[in-house]
Amino acid sequence: MTEIQIFDTISLSWSTHTASSSVLIQLRVGHTAVLTSDNNSIIIMGGTSSYQLNQTTVYPKLLKLDVSSEPYQYSDLNPSETNPPPPLSYHSANIYSDYMIITFENITNDVTDSNETSSKVYLLYIPCLIWESTFIPGRSDCKSNLGSKSNSKQNNYRNSHRNPSSSGITDKDVQNQEQPT
């Protein structure tokens, strides 16, 4: 994972770039990689070390590849422990706004055969590195660089959003919206 092949869609050519890491990154299949909205980082999530039914969890489960300068740099991401997904493989992931949306996954583990699937949707609010259960459009808190947030920022966010009715879109909000004519 120290040599990364990149395809340039303008020149239609391949180039090789190098990456370094201060953490051990296991080789993986069945993972996802999404480019963040600032075009400076790629978030890599999940995967397994095997194509077999016995899918084992790879570590780190969530990491960032900083592509803003060379050599590219891997780092382990440690989001909040609230609402985290289980270890996943063969899932889908997309970026929308500042959220990474993860869906349709296999659940991996290190103990038994992994034949469990899930239809849950997981939301990672990237600026704060917080797993969320509600999508909040237009959110603007925690606009720090990915991975450089402090615990105090994360705690301030959590404390200011304890009342679930003060944030997010509820069914009542949707029902009360005016319909276009």
Protein backbone atom coordinates (compact mmCIF):
# COMPACT_ATOMS: atom_id res chain seq x y z
CA MET A 1 0.00 0.00 0.00
CA THR A 2 3.01 2.26 -0.27
CA GLU A 3 2.78 2.51 -4.06
CA ILE A 4 -0.48 3.96 -5.36
CA GLN A 5 -1.49 3.87 -9.00
CA ILE A 6 -3.49 6.93 -10.09
CA PHE A 7 -5.36 7.28 -13.35
CA ASP A 8 -5.57 10.82 -14.78
CA THR A 9 -8.95 11.11 -16.52
CA ILE A 10 -7.82 14.16 -18.52
CA SER A 11 -4.60 12.76 -20.02
CA LEU A 12 -5.87 9.15 -19.86
CA SER A 13 -2.60 8.00 -18.31
CA TRP A 14 -1.42 6.19 -15.18
CA SER A 15 1.17 7.43 -12.69
CA THR A 16 2.68 5.98 -9.52
CA HIS A 17 2.72 7.89 -6.24
CA THR A 18 4.18 6.88 -2.89
CA ALA A 19 2.55 6.83 0.52
CA SER A 20 3.92 6.37 4.02
CA SER A 21 2.32 5.46 7.30
CA SER A 22 3.13 5.52 10.99
CA VAL A 23 0.53 2.76 11.62
CA LEU A 24 0.44 -0.82 10.35
CA ILE A 25 -2.22 -1.09 7.64
CA GLN A 26 -3.45 -4.57 6.79
CA LEU A 27 -3.99 -5.45 3.13
CA ARG A 28 -7.68 -5.63 2.33
CA VAL A 29 -10.41 -6.42 -0.17
CA GLY A 30 -14.07 -5.39 -0.04
CA HIS A 31 -13.31 -1.92 1.35
CA THR A 32 -14.46 1.50 0.17
CA ALA A 33 -12.50 4.65 -0.57
CA VAL A 34 -14.10 8.08 -0.98
CA LEU A 35 -12.57 11.45 -1.79
CA THR A 36 -13.51 14.17 0.70
CA SER A 37 -15.19 17.34 -0.54
CA ASP A 38 -11.96 19.37 -0.13
CA ASN A 39 -10.13 16.96 -2.52
CA ASN A 40 -7.26 16.61 -0.01
CA SER A 41 -8.07 13.28 1.64
CA ILE A 42 -9.37 9.83 0.83
CA ILE A 43 -11.24 8.00 3.58
CA ILE A 44 -10.82 4.23 3.45
CA MET A 45 -13.28 2.12 5.38
CA GLY A 46 -13.55 -1.52 6.29
CA GLY A 47 -12.81 -4.50 4.19
CA THR A 48 -11.64 -7.98 4.95
CA SER A 49 -8.43 -9.93 4.54
CA SER A 50 -10.16 -12.81 2.76
CA TYR A 51 -12.40 -13.51 -0.22
CA GLN A 52 -13.76 -16.53 1.68
CA LEU A 53 -16.93 -16.71 3.75
CA ASN A 54 -14.78 -16.42 6.86
CA GLN A 55 -14.30 -12.65 6.52
CA THR A 56 -12.05 -11.26 9.21
CA THR A 57 -11.85 -7.65 10.32
CA VAL A 58 -8.92 -5.61 9.02
CA TYR A 59 -7.19 -2.88 10.98
CA PRO A 60 -7.38 0.00 11.10
CA LYS A 61 -11.07 -0.17 10.24
CA LEU A 62 -11.15 3.50 9.21
CA LEU A 63 -8.20 5.48 7.88
CA LYS A 64 -7.33 8.58 5.95
CA LEU A 65 -4.93 9.00 3.07
CA ASP A 66 -3.80 12.62 2.85
CA VAL A 67 -3.18 13.33 -0.86
CA SER A 68 -2.50 17.06 -0.52
CA SER A 69 1.28 16.61 -0.83
CA GLU A 70 3.79 13.86 -1.53
CA PRO A 71 4.58 11.47 -0.16
CA TYR A 72 0.92 10.78 0.61
CA GLN A 73 0.37 10.01 4.29
CA TYR A 74 -1.89 7.36 5.87
CA SER A 75 -3.32 7.93 9.34
CA ASP A 76 -5.72 6.03 11.57
CA LEU A 77 -9.08 7.75 12.14
CA ASN A 78 -10.80 7.34 15.49
CA PRO A 79 -14.32 8.74 15.30
CA SER A 80 -16.71 8.98 18.22
CA GLU A 81 -17.86 5.74 19.82
CA THR A 82 -21.51 6.82 19.64
CA ASN A 83 -23.52 4.96 16.95
CA PRO A 84 -20.47 3.29 15.32
CA PRO A 85 -21.03 0.65 12.68
CA PRO A 86 -19.74 -2.86 13.25
CA PRO A 87 -16.69 -3.92 11.22
CA LEU A 88 -17.86 -3.93 7.59
CA SER A 89 -16.87 -5.28 4.19
CA TYR A 90 -18.35 -5.26 0.68
CA HIS A 91 -20.40 -2.17 1.48
CA SER A 92 -21.16 1.02 -0.43
CA ALA A 93 -19.90 4.45 0.57
CA ASN A 94 -20.47 7.91 -0.83
CA ILE A 95 -19.78 11.48 0.18
CA TYR A 96 -22.66 13.94 0.34
CA SER A 97 -21.99 17.39 1.76
CA ASP A 98 -19.69 16.70 4.73
CA TYR A 99 -21.08 13.21 5.39
CA MET A 100 -19.77 9.80 4.47
CA ILE A 101 -22.80 7.57 3.94
CA ILE A 102 -22.25 3.81 4.29
CA THR A 103 -24.87 1.25 3.24
CA PHE A 104 -25.55 -2.39 2.29
CA GLU A 105 -22.82 -4.20 4.11
CA ASN A 106 -21.47 -7.53 5.27
CA ILE A 107 -20.50 -7.60 8.91
CA THR A 108 -17.02 -9.04 9.50
CA ASN A 109 -15.65 -10.48 12.69
CA ASP A 110 -12.67 -12.36 14.03
CA VAL A 111 -14.50 -15.17 15.79
CA THR A 112 -17.03 -16.98 13.60
CA ASP A 113 -17.98 -17.25 9.93
CA SER A 114 -19.19 -13.93 8.64
CA ASN A 115 -22.49 -14.50 6.90
CA GLU A 116 -24.37 -11.63 8.52
CA THR A 117 -25.52 -8.75 6.33
CA SER A 118 -27.09 -5.46 7.22
CA SER A 119 -29.35 -2.96 5.50
CA LYS A 120 -28.59 -0.16 7.97
CA VAL A 121 -27.35 3.27 6.91
CA TYR A 122 -24.38 4.75 8.78
CA LEU A 123 -23.46 8.44 8.69
CA LEU A 124 -20.02 9.80 9.50
CA TYR A 125 -19.96 13.59 9.88
CA ILE A 126 -16.43 14.11 8.60
CA PRO A 127 -15.42 17.52 10.07
CA CYS A 128 -16.13 16.33 13.64
CA LEU A 129 -15.43 12.61 13.06
CA ILE A 130 -18.74 11.75 14.69
CA TRP A 131 -21.03 8.84 13.82
CA GLU A 132 -24.52 10.29 13.48
CA SER A 133 -28.01 8.84 13.36
CA THR A 134 -29.55 11.93 11.70
CA PHE A 135 -28.55 13.83 8.58
CA ILE A 136 -28.44 17.58 9.29
CA PRO A 137 -28.35 19.58 6.02
CA GLY A 138 -26.29 22.77 5.96
CA ARG A 139 -24.46 21.91 9.15
CA SER A 140 -21.40 24.11 9.77
CA ASP A 141 -19.91 23.15 13.12
CA CYS A 142 -16.50 21.48 13.50
CA LYS A 143 -15.06 22.95 10.31
CA SER A 144 -11.55 21.91 11.32
CA ASN A 145 -9.21 19.89 9.13
CA LEU A 146 -10.07 16.21 8.89
CA GLY A 147 -8.44 14.36 11.75
CA SER A 148 -7.08 17.41 13.56
CA LYS A 149 -10.04 18.03 15.81
CA SER A 150 -9.58 18.09 19.55
CA ASN A 151 -11.60 16.15 22.07
CA SER A 152 -12.89 19.43 23.49
CA LYS A 153 -14.47 20.31 20.12
CA GLN A 154 -16.10 16.90 19.96
CA ASN A 155 -17.38 17.21 23.55
CA ASN A 156 -18.63 20.77 22.94
CA TYR A 157 -20.56 19.52 19.93
CA ARG A 158 -22.08 16.63 21.88
CA ASN A 159 -23.07 18.85 24.81
CA SER A 160 -24.68 21.46 22.56
CA HIS A 161 -26.76 18.84 20.72
CA ARG A 162 -28.21 16.79 23.58
CA ASN A 163 -31.78 17.81 22.75
CA PRO A 164 -32.72 15.74 19.68
CA SER A 165 -35.52 18.16 18.75
CA SER A 166 -33.01 21.01 18.35
CA SER A 167 -31.24 19.52 15.34
CA GLY A 168 -31.97 17.44 12.29
CA ILE A 169 -35.03 16.96 10.16
CA THR A 170 -37.98 15.20 11.75
CA ASP A 171 -41.07 13.64 10.16
CA LYS A 172 -43.05 16.63 11.42
CA ASP A 173 -40.69 19.04 9.58
CA VAL A 174 -41.25 17.16 6.35
CA GLN A 175 -45.03 17.15 6.81
CA ASN A 176 -45.07 20.90 7.54
CA GLN A 177 -43.09 21.89 4.43
CA GLU A 178 -45.06 23.70 1.78
CA GLN A 179 -45.51 21.64 -1.33
CA PRO A 180 -44.61 23.27 -4.71
CA THR A 181 -47.57 24.10 -6.92
